[in-house]
Amino acid sequence: MTESTFQRDGNHIPITNLGLTASKAITYSALTTGAIGATTLFTVTGDVAVRVFAVCSTLLAGANATLEVGVAGGTALLIAQTTGTDIDAGEVWIDAAPALIENLPAIKIVAEGADIIQTIATDTLDSGVLTYYCVWTPVSSDGNVVAV
C-alpha cells in the first residue's frame, strides 16, 4: 500500500494500513511547556481506537520530573509515568522503560471525546524535545483526533 495524504480538519494526515496519524512536537522549557501540569496533546471527538507513543529527538533534562500520557481521570492510561531523564534522544517512549526500538503499543479505545493529555508531575522539565504520535481509527461515526 502506498502512502498518501488528504486534508482533514486543517491537518495533513498520512493514511497507512495502521490507521490515521496525528503528531505533535513539544520543545520543553521549564517556565512554559515543561511546567508541572497537564497539556492537551490531541483533541478527540466521539469514540476512537488509538495507539499513542513518543519519539525523543533531544535528551530530556529536569531533575526528578516525571511525565505520563492519558486522559483526565486516568493520566497514565496510555503511557505509564516515567522519569523524564530516562527518555534519551533516539528512544521511543511507550512505557516506563523507553528503548531504541519498540513494538507498537496496544490499541486502546478512547470514548466520548476524552482528550489525550500529557501530565508533568513532581518537577519541571528544563529542556528536551518529544514528538507525540497518535495512530488512530474512528469507532463511532463522529470519531476524530486532531493534534492541538
N, C-alpha and C. Protein backbone atom coordinates (compact mmCIF):
# COMPACT_ATOMS: atom_id res chain seq x y z
N MET A 1 0.85 -1.18 0.00
CA MET A 1 0.00 0.00 0.00
C MET A 1 0.88 1.23 0.00
N THR A 2 0.61 2.14 -0.87
CA THR A 2 1.38 3.37 -0.89
C THR A 2 0.76 4.37 0.06
N GLU A 3 1.57 5.30 0.53
CA GLU A 3 1.10 6.31 1.48
C GLU A 3 0.69 7.56 0.72
N SER A 4 -0.44 8.12 1.09
CA SER A 4 -0.89 9.38 0.51
C SER A 4 -1.40 10.26 1.64
N THR A 5 -1.73 11.49 1.32
CA THR A 5 -2.26 12.39 2.34
C THR A 5 -3.54 13.02 1.87
N PHE A 6 -4.34 13.47 2.81
CA PHE A 6 -5.53 14.24 2.48
C PHE A 6 -5.71 15.30 3.56
N GLN A 7 -6.57 16.25 3.28
CA GLN A 7 -6.82 17.35 4.21
C GLN A 7 -8.00 16.97 5.10
N ARG A 8 -7.81 17.00 6.42
CA ARG A 8 -8.89 16.72 7.36
C ARG A 8 -8.76 17.69 8.52
N ASP A 9 -9.76 18.53 8.73
CA ASP A 9 -9.76 19.49 9.83
C ASP A 9 -8.50 20.33 9.87
N GLY A 10 -7.95 20.71 8.72
CA GLY A 10 -6.78 21.58 8.68
C GLY A 10 -5.46 20.87 8.91
N ASN A 11 -5.46 19.55 9.09
CA ASN A 11 -4.21 18.82 9.30
C ASN A 11 -3.95 17.91 8.10
N HIS A 12 -2.70 17.82 7.68
CA HIS A 12 -2.34 16.81 6.70
C HIS A 12 -2.09 15.53 7.48
N ILE A 13 -2.78 14.49 7.13
CA ILE A 13 -2.69 13.24 7.88
C ILE A 13 -2.32 12.12 6.92
N PRO A 14 -1.21 11.42 7.17
CA PRO A 14 -0.88 10.30 6.30
C PRO A 14 -1.86 9.15 6.51
N ILE A 15 -2.17 8.47 5.45
CA ILE A 15 -3.02 7.29 5.53
C ILE A 15 -2.13 6.07 5.33
N THR A 16 -2.14 5.17 6.29
CA THR A 16 -1.37 3.92 6.19
C THR A 16 -2.28 2.78 6.56
N ASN A 17 -1.78 1.57 6.47
CA ASN A 17 -2.59 0.42 6.86
C ASN A 17 -2.73 0.33 8.38
N LEU A 18 -2.07 1.20 9.14
CA LEU A 18 -2.18 1.23 10.59
C LEU A 18 -3.31 2.14 11.06
N GLY A 19 -3.78 3.02 10.22
CA GLY A 19 -4.80 3.99 10.59
C GLY A 19 -4.33 5.39 10.25
N LEU A 20 -5.06 6.37 10.72
CA LEU A 20 -4.70 7.77 10.51
C LEU A 20 -3.66 8.15 11.55
N THR A 21 -2.86 9.17 11.27
CA THR A 21 -1.82 9.59 12.21
C THR A 21 -1.88 11.09 12.43
N ALA A 22 -1.83 11.47 13.70
CA ALA A 22 -1.69 12.88 14.09
C ALA A 22 -0.42 12.97 14.92
N SER A 23 0.29 14.09 14.84
CA SER A 23 1.53 14.23 15.62
C SER A 23 1.63 15.63 16.20
N LYS A 24 2.37 15.70 17.31
CA LYS A 24 2.59 16.98 17.98
C LYS A 24 3.98 16.95 18.61
N ALA A 25 4.83 17.92 18.23
CA ALA A 25 6.17 18.04 18.82
C ALA A 25 6.13 19.06 19.96
N ILE A 26 6.82 18.74 21.05
CA ILE A 26 6.93 19.68 22.17
C ILE A 26 8.41 19.88 22.49
N THR A 27 8.84 21.14 22.48
CA THR A 27 10.17 21.52 22.95
C THR A 27 9.98 22.03 24.37
N TYR A 28 10.58 21.35 25.32
CA TYR A 28 10.35 21.67 26.74
C TYR A 28 11.21 22.82 27.22
N SER A 29 10.59 23.68 28.02
CA SER A 29 11.25 24.80 28.69
C SER A 29 10.61 24.90 30.07
N ALA A 30 11.42 25.03 31.12
CA ALA A 30 10.94 24.99 32.49
C ALA A 30 9.80 25.97 32.78
N LEU A 31 9.83 27.15 32.18
CA LEU A 31 8.84 28.17 32.51
C LEU A 31 7.54 28.06 31.70
N THR A 32 7.56 27.26 30.64
CA THR A 32 6.35 27.18 29.80
C THR A 32 5.95 25.72 29.58
N THR A 33 6.40 25.12 28.52
CA THR A 33 5.97 23.78 28.12
C THR A 33 6.45 22.68 29.07
N GLY A 34 7.45 22.96 29.90
CA GLY A 34 7.97 21.96 30.83
C GLY A 34 7.45 22.11 32.24
N ALA A 35 6.54 23.04 32.46
CA ALA A 35 6.00 23.29 33.80
C ALA A 35 5.10 22.15 34.26
N ILE A 36 5.01 21.97 35.57
CA ILE A 36 4.15 20.95 36.16
C ILE A 36 2.71 21.23 35.74
N GLY A 37 2.00 20.17 35.34
CA GLY A 37 0.60 20.30 34.96
C GLY A 37 0.27 19.48 33.73
N ALA A 38 -0.98 19.59 33.30
CA ALA A 38 -1.46 18.83 32.14
C ALA A 38 -1.47 19.70 30.90
N THR A 39 -1.18 19.08 29.76
CA THR A 39 -1.21 19.73 28.45
C THR A 39 -2.00 18.83 27.50
N THR A 40 -2.95 19.40 26.78
CA THR A 40 -3.68 18.60 25.79
C THR A 40 -2.79 18.37 24.59
N LEU A 41 -2.63 17.10 24.22
CA LEU A 41 -1.86 16.73 23.03
C LEU A 41 -2.76 16.60 21.82
N PHE A 42 -3.89 15.91 22.01
CA PHE A 42 -4.81 15.63 20.91
C PHE A 42 -6.25 15.81 21.41
N THR A 43 -7.05 16.54 20.64
CA THR A 43 -8.47 16.62 20.96
C THR A 43 -9.17 15.46 20.26
N VAL A 44 -10.10 14.87 20.96
CA VAL A 44 -10.81 13.69 20.47
C VAL A 44 -12.30 14.02 20.40
N THR A 45 -12.92 13.59 19.32
CA THR A 45 -14.36 13.69 19.16
C THR A 45 -14.89 12.27 19.02
N GLY A 46 -16.00 11.98 19.66
CA GLY A 46 -16.61 10.66 19.54
C GLY A 46 -15.75 9.58 20.17
N ASP A 47 -15.83 8.37 19.60
CA ASP A 47 -15.08 7.22 20.08
C ASP A 47 -14.02 6.85 19.04
N VAL A 48 -12.79 6.60 19.50
CA VAL A 48 -11.70 6.26 18.59
C VAL A 48 -10.84 5.14 19.20
N ALA A 49 -10.20 4.38 18.33
CA ALA A 49 -9.19 3.40 18.74
C ALA A 49 -7.84 4.04 18.48
N VAL A 50 -6.94 4.03 19.49
CA VAL A 50 -5.67 4.74 19.38
C VAL A 50 -4.48 3.88 19.81
N ARG A 51 -3.33 4.25 19.26
CA ARG A 51 -2.01 3.80 19.73
C ARG A 51 -1.21 5.09 19.90
N VAL A 52 -0.72 5.38 21.10
CA VAL A 52 0.00 6.62 21.36
C VAL A 52 1.42 6.30 21.79
N PHE A 53 2.38 7.02 21.20
CA PHE A 53 3.79 6.88 21.58
C PHE A 53 4.51 8.17 21.29
N ALA A 54 5.74 8.29 21.79
CA ALA A 54 6.54 9.49 21.53
C ALA A 54 7.94 9.07 21.12
N VAL A 55 8.57 9.92 20.33
CA VAL A 55 9.97 9.73 19.92
C VAL A 55 10.75 10.94 20.42
N CYS A 56 11.87 10.68 21.10
CA CYS A 56 12.69 11.74 21.67
C CYS A 56 13.79 12.12 20.68
N SER A 57 13.86 13.39 20.31
CA SER A 57 14.93 13.84 19.41
C SER A 57 16.01 14.63 20.14
N THR A 58 15.69 15.14 21.34
CA THR A 58 16.68 15.84 22.17
C THR A 58 16.47 15.38 23.60
N LEU A 59 17.53 14.90 24.22
CA LEU A 59 17.52 14.39 25.59
C LEU A 59 16.71 15.28 26.52
N LEU A 60 15.85 14.66 27.34
CA LEU A 60 15.07 15.41 28.33
C LEU A 60 15.90 15.65 29.57
N ALA A 61 15.79 16.85 30.13
CA ALA A 61 16.51 17.20 31.36
C ALA A 61 15.53 17.84 32.33
N GLY A 62 15.72 17.55 33.61
CA GLY A 62 14.85 18.14 34.61
C GLY A 62 14.78 17.34 35.89
N ALA A 63 15.86 17.28 36.62
CA ALA A 63 15.95 16.68 37.96
C ALA A 63 15.05 15.47 38.13
N ASN A 64 13.97 15.61 38.89
CA ASN A 64 13.08 14.49 39.21
C ASN A 64 11.76 14.55 38.45
N ALA A 65 11.73 15.28 37.35
CA ALA A 65 10.48 15.44 36.59
C ALA A 65 9.96 14.09 36.11
N THR A 66 8.65 13.92 36.23
CA THR A 66 8.01 12.73 35.68
C THR A 66 6.95 13.18 34.68
N LEU A 67 6.66 12.32 33.71
CA LEU A 67 5.59 12.61 32.78
C LEU A 67 4.87 11.34 32.41
N GLU A 68 3.63 11.48 31.98
CA GLU A 68 2.76 10.37 31.64
C GLU A 68 1.73 10.86 30.64
N VAL A 69 1.09 9.91 29.96
CA VAL A 69 0.09 10.28 28.95
C VAL A 69 -1.18 9.47 29.19
N GLY A 70 -2.30 10.17 29.13
CA GLY A 70 -3.60 9.52 29.31
C GLY A 70 -4.73 10.48 29.02
N VAL A 71 -5.74 10.41 29.86
CA VAL A 71 -6.92 11.28 29.76
C VAL A 71 -7.22 11.81 31.16
N ALA A 72 -8.07 12.83 31.26
CA ALA A 72 -8.46 13.35 32.56
C ALA A 72 -9.07 12.20 33.37
N GLY A 73 -8.64 12.06 34.61
CA GLY A 73 -9.13 10.98 35.45
C GLY A 73 -8.34 9.70 35.30
N GLY A 74 -7.42 9.65 34.35
CA GLY A 74 -6.57 8.48 34.13
C GLY A 74 -5.33 8.92 33.38
N THR A 75 -4.49 9.71 34.04
CA THR A 75 -3.40 10.41 33.35
C THR A 75 -2.25 9.51 32.89
N ALA A 76 -2.24 8.24 33.30
CA ALA A 76 -1.18 7.32 32.85
C ALA A 76 -1.77 6.12 32.12
N LEU A 77 -2.98 6.23 31.59
CA LEU A 77 -3.62 5.09 30.95
C LEU A 77 -3.06 4.74 29.57
N LEU A 78 -2.39 5.70 28.91
CA LEU A 78 -1.84 5.43 27.57
C LEU A 78 -0.33 5.22 27.60
N ILE A 79 0.39 5.99 28.40
CA ILE A 79 1.84 5.77 28.61
C ILE A 79 2.09 5.95 30.10
N ALA A 80 2.72 4.94 30.72
CA ALA A 80 2.97 4.94 32.16
C ALA A 80 3.88 6.07 32.59
N GLN A 81 3.71 6.51 33.84
CA GLN A 81 4.56 7.56 34.39
C GLN A 81 6.03 7.14 34.29
N THR A 82 6.86 8.06 33.81
CA THR A 82 8.27 7.80 33.56
C THR A 82 9.07 9.01 34.01
N THR A 83 10.24 8.79 34.56
CA THR A 83 11.14 9.90 34.89
C THR A 83 11.67 10.46 33.58
N GLY A 84 11.53 11.77 33.40
CA GLY A 84 11.91 12.41 32.14
C GLY A 84 13.34 12.13 31.71
N THR A 85 14.26 12.12 32.67
CA THR A 85 15.67 11.91 32.32
C THR A 85 15.95 10.48 31.87
N ASP A 86 14.97 9.58 31.98
CA ASP A 86 15.12 8.21 31.47
C ASP A 86 14.79 8.12 29.98
N ILE A 87 14.29 9.22 29.41
CA ILE A 87 13.95 9.24 27.98
C ILE A 87 15.08 9.96 27.25
N ASP A 88 15.87 9.20 26.51
CA ASP A 88 17.05 9.73 25.83
C ASP A 88 16.78 9.99 24.35
N ALA A 89 17.60 10.83 23.76
CA ALA A 89 17.50 11.11 22.32
C ALA A 89 17.60 9.80 21.54
N GLY A 90 16.73 9.66 20.56
CA GLY A 90 16.73 8.46 19.72
C GLY A 90 15.89 7.33 20.28
N GLU A 91 15.27 7.54 21.45
CA GLU A 91 14.45 6.48 22.04
C GLU A 91 12.97 6.68 21.76
N VAL A 92 12.26 5.56 21.79
CA VAL A 92 10.81 5.54 21.64
C VAL A 92 10.22 5.35 23.03
N TRP A 93 9.22 6.15 23.36
CA TRP A 93 8.59 6.07 24.68
C TRP A 93 7.18 5.54 24.54
N ILE A 94 6.97 4.29 25.02
CA ILE A 94 5.63 3.70 25.05
C ILE A 94 5.26 3.22 26.45
N ASP A 95 6.27 3.17 27.34
CA ASP A 95 6.05 2.67 28.69
C ASP A 95 7.13 3.21 29.62
N ALA A 96 7.24 2.67 30.82
CA ALA A 96 8.18 3.19 31.81
C ALA A 96 9.64 2.85 31.49
N ALA A 97 9.88 2.14 30.40
CA ALA A 97 11.25 1.77 30.02
C ALA A 97 11.49 2.11 28.54
N PRO A 98 11.72 3.39 28.21
CA PRO A 98 11.96 3.78 26.82
C PRO A 98 13.15 3.00 26.22
N ALA A 99 13.08 2.75 24.91
CA ALA A 99 14.13 1.97 24.25
C ALA A 99 14.35 2.47 22.84
N LEU A 100 15.45 2.02 22.23
CA LEU A 100 15.77 2.43 20.86
C LEU A 100 14.76 1.90 19.85
N ILE A 101 14.25 0.71 20.10
CA ILE A 101 13.25 0.10 19.22
C ILE A 101 12.15 -0.48 20.10
N GLU A 102 10.91 -0.23 19.72
CA GLU A 102 9.76 -0.73 20.48
C GLU A 102 8.73 -1.30 19.51
N ASN A 103 7.92 -2.21 20.01
CA ASN A 103 6.72 -2.64 19.29
C ASN A 103 5.70 -1.52 19.38
N LEU A 104 4.79 -1.47 18.43
CA LEU A 104 3.70 -0.52 18.56
C LEU A 104 2.94 -0.82 19.84
N PRO A 105 2.50 0.21 20.54
CA PRO A 105 1.73 -0.03 21.77
C PRO A 105 0.38 -0.67 21.44
N ALA A 106 -0.24 -1.26 22.46
CA ALA A 106 -1.55 -1.88 22.30
C ALA A 106 -2.59 -0.83 21.90
N ILE A 107 -3.60 -1.28 21.19
CA ILE A 107 -4.71 -0.41 20.81
C ILE A 107 -5.58 -0.19 22.04
N LYS A 108 -5.93 1.07 22.27
CA LYS A 108 -6.82 1.45 23.37
C LYS A 108 -8.02 2.18 22.78
N ILE A 109 -9.16 2.03 23.41
CA ILE A 109 -10.36 2.75 22.99
C ILE A 109 -10.50 3.99 23.86
N VAL A 110 -10.59 5.16 23.24
CA VAL A 110 -10.86 6.41 23.94
C VAL A 110 -12.29 6.79 23.59
N ALA A 111 -13.14 6.88 24.62
CA ALA A 111 -14.57 7.06 24.39
C ALA A 111 -15.03 8.48 24.72
N GLU A 112 -16.13 8.84 24.09
CA GLU A 112 -16.88 10.06 24.38
C GLU A 112 -16.05 11.33 24.37
N GLY A 113 -15.12 11.41 23.42
CA GLY A 113 -14.37 12.65 23.23
C GLY A 113 -13.42 13.01 24.35
N ALA A 114 -12.86 12.02 25.05
CA ALA A 114 -11.89 12.30 26.11
C ALA A 114 -10.57 12.71 25.45
N ASP A 115 -10.15 13.96 25.65
CA ASP A 115 -8.91 14.44 25.04
C ASP A 115 -7.71 13.71 25.62
N ILE A 116 -6.68 13.52 24.80
CA ILE A 116 -5.45 12.85 25.21
C ILE A 116 -4.50 13.91 25.75
N ILE A 117 -4.03 13.71 26.99
CA ILE A 117 -3.20 14.71 27.66
C ILE A 117 -1.87 14.13 28.11
N GLN A 118 -0.90 15.03 28.25
CA GLN A 118 0.39 14.72 28.86
C GLN A 118 0.37 15.41 30.22
N THR A 119 0.81 14.73 31.27
CA THR A 119 0.89 15.35 32.58
C THR A 119 2.33 15.31 33.07
N ILE A 120 2.85 16.48 33.43
CA ILE A 120 4.18 16.59 34.04
C ILE A 120 3.95 16.73 35.54
N ALA A 121 4.61 15.89 36.32
CA ALA A 121 4.42 15.91 37.77
C ALA A 121 5.79 15.97 38.45
N THR A 122 5.78 16.13 39.73
CA THR A 122 6.96 16.09 40.60
C THR A 122 7.89 17.29 40.44
N ASP A 123 8.33 17.59 39.22
CA ASP A 123 9.26 18.68 38.97
C ASP A 123 9.14 19.08 37.51
N THR A 124 9.73 20.20 37.13
CA THR A 124 9.63 20.68 35.75
C THR A 124 10.65 20.02 34.84
N LEU A 125 10.33 19.99 33.55
CA LEU A 125 11.28 19.58 32.53
C LEU A 125 11.95 20.84 32.01
N ASP A 126 13.27 20.89 32.12
CA ASP A 126 14.03 22.09 31.74
C ASP A 126 14.26 22.19 30.24
N SER A 127 14.44 21.04 29.58
CA SER A 127 14.74 21.05 28.15
C SER A 127 14.48 19.67 27.57
N GLY A 128 14.55 19.59 26.25
CA GLY A 128 14.35 18.34 25.53
C GLY A 128 13.24 18.48 24.51
N VAL A 129 13.14 17.50 23.62
CA VAL A 129 12.10 17.52 22.58
C VAL A 129 11.51 16.11 22.42
N LEU A 130 10.19 16.04 22.51
CA LEU A 130 9.44 14.81 22.22
C LEU A 130 8.46 15.11 21.10
N THR A 131 8.32 14.16 20.19
CA THR A 131 7.25 14.23 19.21
C THR A 131 6.28 13.10 19.52
N TYR A 132 5.05 13.49 19.82
CA TYR A 132 4.00 12.53 20.14
C TYR A 132 3.28 12.13 18.85
N TYR A 133 2.95 10.84 18.75
CA TYR A 133 2.20 10.32 17.62
C TYR A 133 0.96 9.61 18.14
N CYS A 134 -0.15 9.85 17.49
CA CYS A 134 -1.39 9.14 17.78
C CYS A 134 -1.84 8.49 16.48
N VAL A 135 -1.72 7.18 16.42
CA VAL A 135 -2.21 6.42 15.27
C VAL A 135 -3.62 6.00 15.65
N TRP A 136 -4.60 6.40 14.86
CA TRP A 136 -5.98 6.24 15.29
C TRP A 136 -6.92 5.84 14.17
N THR A 137 -8.06 5.29 14.59
CA THR A 137 -9.13 4.92 13.68
C THR A 137 -10.45 5.28 14.35
N PRO A 138 -11.38 5.88 13.62
CA PRO A 138 -12.68 6.18 14.23
C PRO A 138 -13.44 4.89 14.55
N VAL A 139 -14.13 4.88 15.67
CA VAL A 139 -15.00 3.77 16.03
C VAL A 139 -16.45 4.22 15.84
N SER A 140 -16.78 5.41 16.33
CA SER A 140 -18.12 5.96 16.11
C SER A 140 -18.11 6.81 14.84
N SER A 141 -19.28 7.11 14.33
CA SER A 141 -19.37 7.88 13.07
C SER A 141 -18.77 9.28 13.20
N ASP A 142 -18.71 9.83 14.42
CA ASP A 142 -18.13 11.15 14.62
C ASP A 142 -16.71 11.09 15.19
N GLY A 143 -16.11 9.92 15.21
CA GLY A 143 -14.76 9.75 15.77
C GLY A 143 -13.72 10.53 15.01
N ASN A 144 -12.89 11.31 15.74
CA ASN A 144 -11.85 12.13 15.11
C ASN A 144 -10.79 12.47 16.15
N VAL A 145 -9.55 12.61 15.70
CA VAL A 145 -8.43 13.04 16.54
C VAL A 145 -7.70 14.15 15.81
N VAL A 146 -7.41 15.25 16.54
CA VAL A 146 -6.69 16.39 15.96
C VAL A 146 -5.59 16.79 16.93
N ALA A 147 -4.38 16.98 16.41
CA ALA A 147 -3.26 17.50 17.24
C ALA A 147 -3.55 18.94 17.61
N VAL A 148 -3.27 19.29 18.86
CA VAL A 148 -3.51 20.66 19.34
C VAL A 148 -2.25 21.48 19.14
